Amino acid sequence: MILNKNGKNIIALGSSTSQINNNLIKNYDDVSIDDVLPNIDTLYNNDISLEDNNHLSNIMFLNKICFTDKIIYELLTEEYKNKIITILSNNFIFFNQFINNEDTKIISEILYKLIYENNKAFSNHYTNIINTTLDKRQLLATFKTLYFGSKIFNKLLDLKEVNIYNYVNRLFHLYYELVTTQGEAKEHYGDFLLHAIKLNAFIIMEQFFISNENNSIPFFVNKDHFTQIFINKIYKPSNTVTKKKITFEISKFLSKIANKYNYSTINYILKSLNPVFLDFERLLTYCKNEIFIFAYIKACSISHTKRLMNVLIIKWSNSATAVKKSYSSDDLLFTKLILICCNKLEKEDPLTSLESQFAHNSVFLNGVSKRLVNPLPMIVERTMIIARRITNNKVDYETKVEIEFFDGDIEDDKDFENLNVMDKLEEVENESKEILKLEDNVKQISLSSNEPLTNDINKRIFFIKDFLKQLLSVSSNSTNKLSCKEVLNEGCKLMNLKLKHKKTEELKFYVEELLPLLINIKETNENEDSEFLESYKIKCIICLIKAYPSKALDLLLENLFFKEFNIQQRLSILTSIGVGCLEIKNETSLPKNDNNTVLSENNNIKNDIFIHDDLMKKSQITWRSRKLDLKKQESTQKTRILRTENTMIIIKVCYSLIAGWLRGIDLGATFDRIFKEHYLRCLSLVYSLISDEKHLDPNRDLENGVKEVLVDAFKQDILIDKDTLKDTNLM
């Protein structure tokens, strides 16, 4: 029994519970256990509505005495502990009070029972809100923030049983049950989904829409399920703003998985969502998959397709100017999309002449004029191809260039199973797993590292999605069977193996999720080798660059210039960009593991900061080797295209680095010089890779930009050695 200072129970037995609690909340040190237990019984035995003021003080008292105090709950019997958990599951106000307590193991354990073991708490809380006469809007906003935001998840992270994947899976089960059992569809279901996407967009989209793990029924399981559950119960009841946001998020996800087998199904989904809701210019920024955009264009009406055509012509016209200063890798995509639109309009609206609709448009005519004076032959060729197409071949020009673009008929049979590319990726990637099993002698595997694969088969990582899960676990400090070092080591081996065997589908699929995790990863304990982690982090990032150069380098540049990182992370990004450009410039096949490997372990690094300079200098020795310069270029058209595309990507990187410097860099007195010196080495390395491509810089814009940076660096008394500049042709 808990007594006051004088050893007496000062609460009169005849006092009402409400009266007692109003006093107790103010001075709960004067409470006895005889006051606590009746309070629990009262709340447990009554069906309490949220607006019941008589019980509100009971709830506040119980929360304060049991959880704020942090002791009383642990002293209760199991019977009363279970009663409290039942009260929490039945009353949203109590649950909201409870979850705002300071994080403790007790709070996490009770919360785990409510989320993972109690199947009624989620639906009971929602029913509380729907049936109340209080402000539903505010209560629903709180409900959404708690369950579909990160608050509950963050409180559960201390438990080894919890990780982002099983939390999202549990959230989907709760959400699915809510949507399918509540009867009348509600407007806020779509808003709940949008808020969940903010938690982790990729994992939410995968678990909610295509994954069938743990007996879940995703929204994309089949056509009827998609229509009856997602469209009718979630999408249609939502307001217009929510519909537009949902359509965009689904489109971003579909653009990742679109292929020649599932474009008809994607077309059906987009039609069901209403493609007019998509901002086409924004879509082109986030979705670069030609097949997805083909499915989107085919889903649009004739009038909307004409509007898309006008948008594309503007972008196509401007991309020619962009190529001069920072290569637009989208120019080919815009060209293909215009051809796709032309085909659609001719097939579905044969009475409309492309020439009359677009050929005399001033934007188109000005665009053609600008593009024809572009120094890049490929731009001129694409310009004439489009000009001939839109004028019905009236432009007298013969070209040997043939632009292949995706075209196909929309099939009536909508096989939603084709959307589950994860299964298909696993089928394709099973070869890698078999290789790992069959090659007992690990040294025979050509990987750019001397670290062997683990002998413990339970610690092997066989799929990139498992590497992603392990990185998420390490990043969230969840209990993990692999250390940070082991995760990076095994992940690096797996990625190199996939590159070696040209199995890059899974790498491309996960690049947007992997890069931020790799940039931010750090040792989880003091015993881990920071030099090893830094080196392997960079190796993993370079693997992603080699698998998907344009996307990976764009993301790295975006992170470098627009995100807040410490000096170590910034140096990692710079090193990855520099060495990554080197790798893709010289790549026709995966380099063998020899003593000259760019990322060899023989650097004997003394300090974390200087690992980057060491890697960069190692790169400089390797990148200009005569063997590379004299190596014959492969004669196949595919190799020439790869080299050209990668060269243009490197040019874009070089322009971006120039612009980043000229905008101004200031990291403070401590780190500014270190960063800028390394920045100059990176820029010099990148520029040296394309300095001989004079035909791509006829006006010397690139060369002059690099010189301007070097002059500015000289004014700041920041210099780099002559050997670094030797191969830039600037000396």
Foldseek 3Di string as FASTA:
>chain_A
DQAAPVRDQPDDPPDDLQVVLVVCLVPVSHDDVVNQVVLLVVLLVDQDAPPPPSNPSSLVSNLCVPPLVPPPLVPDDPVSVVSVLVSCLQEVSSVLSNLPHDQDPVSLVSLCCSQPPDLRSLVNLVVSLVPDPPDSVVSVVVSLCCQQACSNVLSNQVDQVDFPQVSLLSSLVNLQCCQPPVPAAAQCSLVSLVSNCVRPVVSNCCNQAPDCPPNDDHLLQDDVSVCPRVLPRYQVSYDLVSLLVVLLSVLLLLLLQDDPVALLLLLVVCLSSPLVSYDVVVCVVRRQRQSSVLSSLLNDDLVVLLVVLVVLLLVLLVQLVVLQQFHDPCNLVSLQSNVSSLVNCCVVPVVDQLCVSPVPDPSNVNSLVSQCPRLDPVSPVSSVVSNCSSNVNPDPDDDPDDRDGDDDDNDPDRNSNSSNCVVVLCVVQVVQVVVVVVCPPQVVDFAQEPDGQDPPPVLADRAVVVLLSQLSCQVSVRDDPDFLLSSLVRLLSNLRSCQQVVSLSRLSSCLVSPLVSLLPGAGPDPPDDRQSSLLSSLSNLLSSCQSPVLVSLVVLLCCLQPNDDDPLSNLSSLLSLQVSLLDQLLDPGDDGHDPLDLSYPPQPDDDSLCVSVSSLVSSLVPSPDVCSVPPDQDDDPVSVVSNVSSLSSLSNSLSSLLVSVVVDDDPDDPCPLSSVLSSLLSSLSSLLSCLVVCSSNVVCPSVVSNVVSQVVCVVVVRDDDVSSNVSNPPD
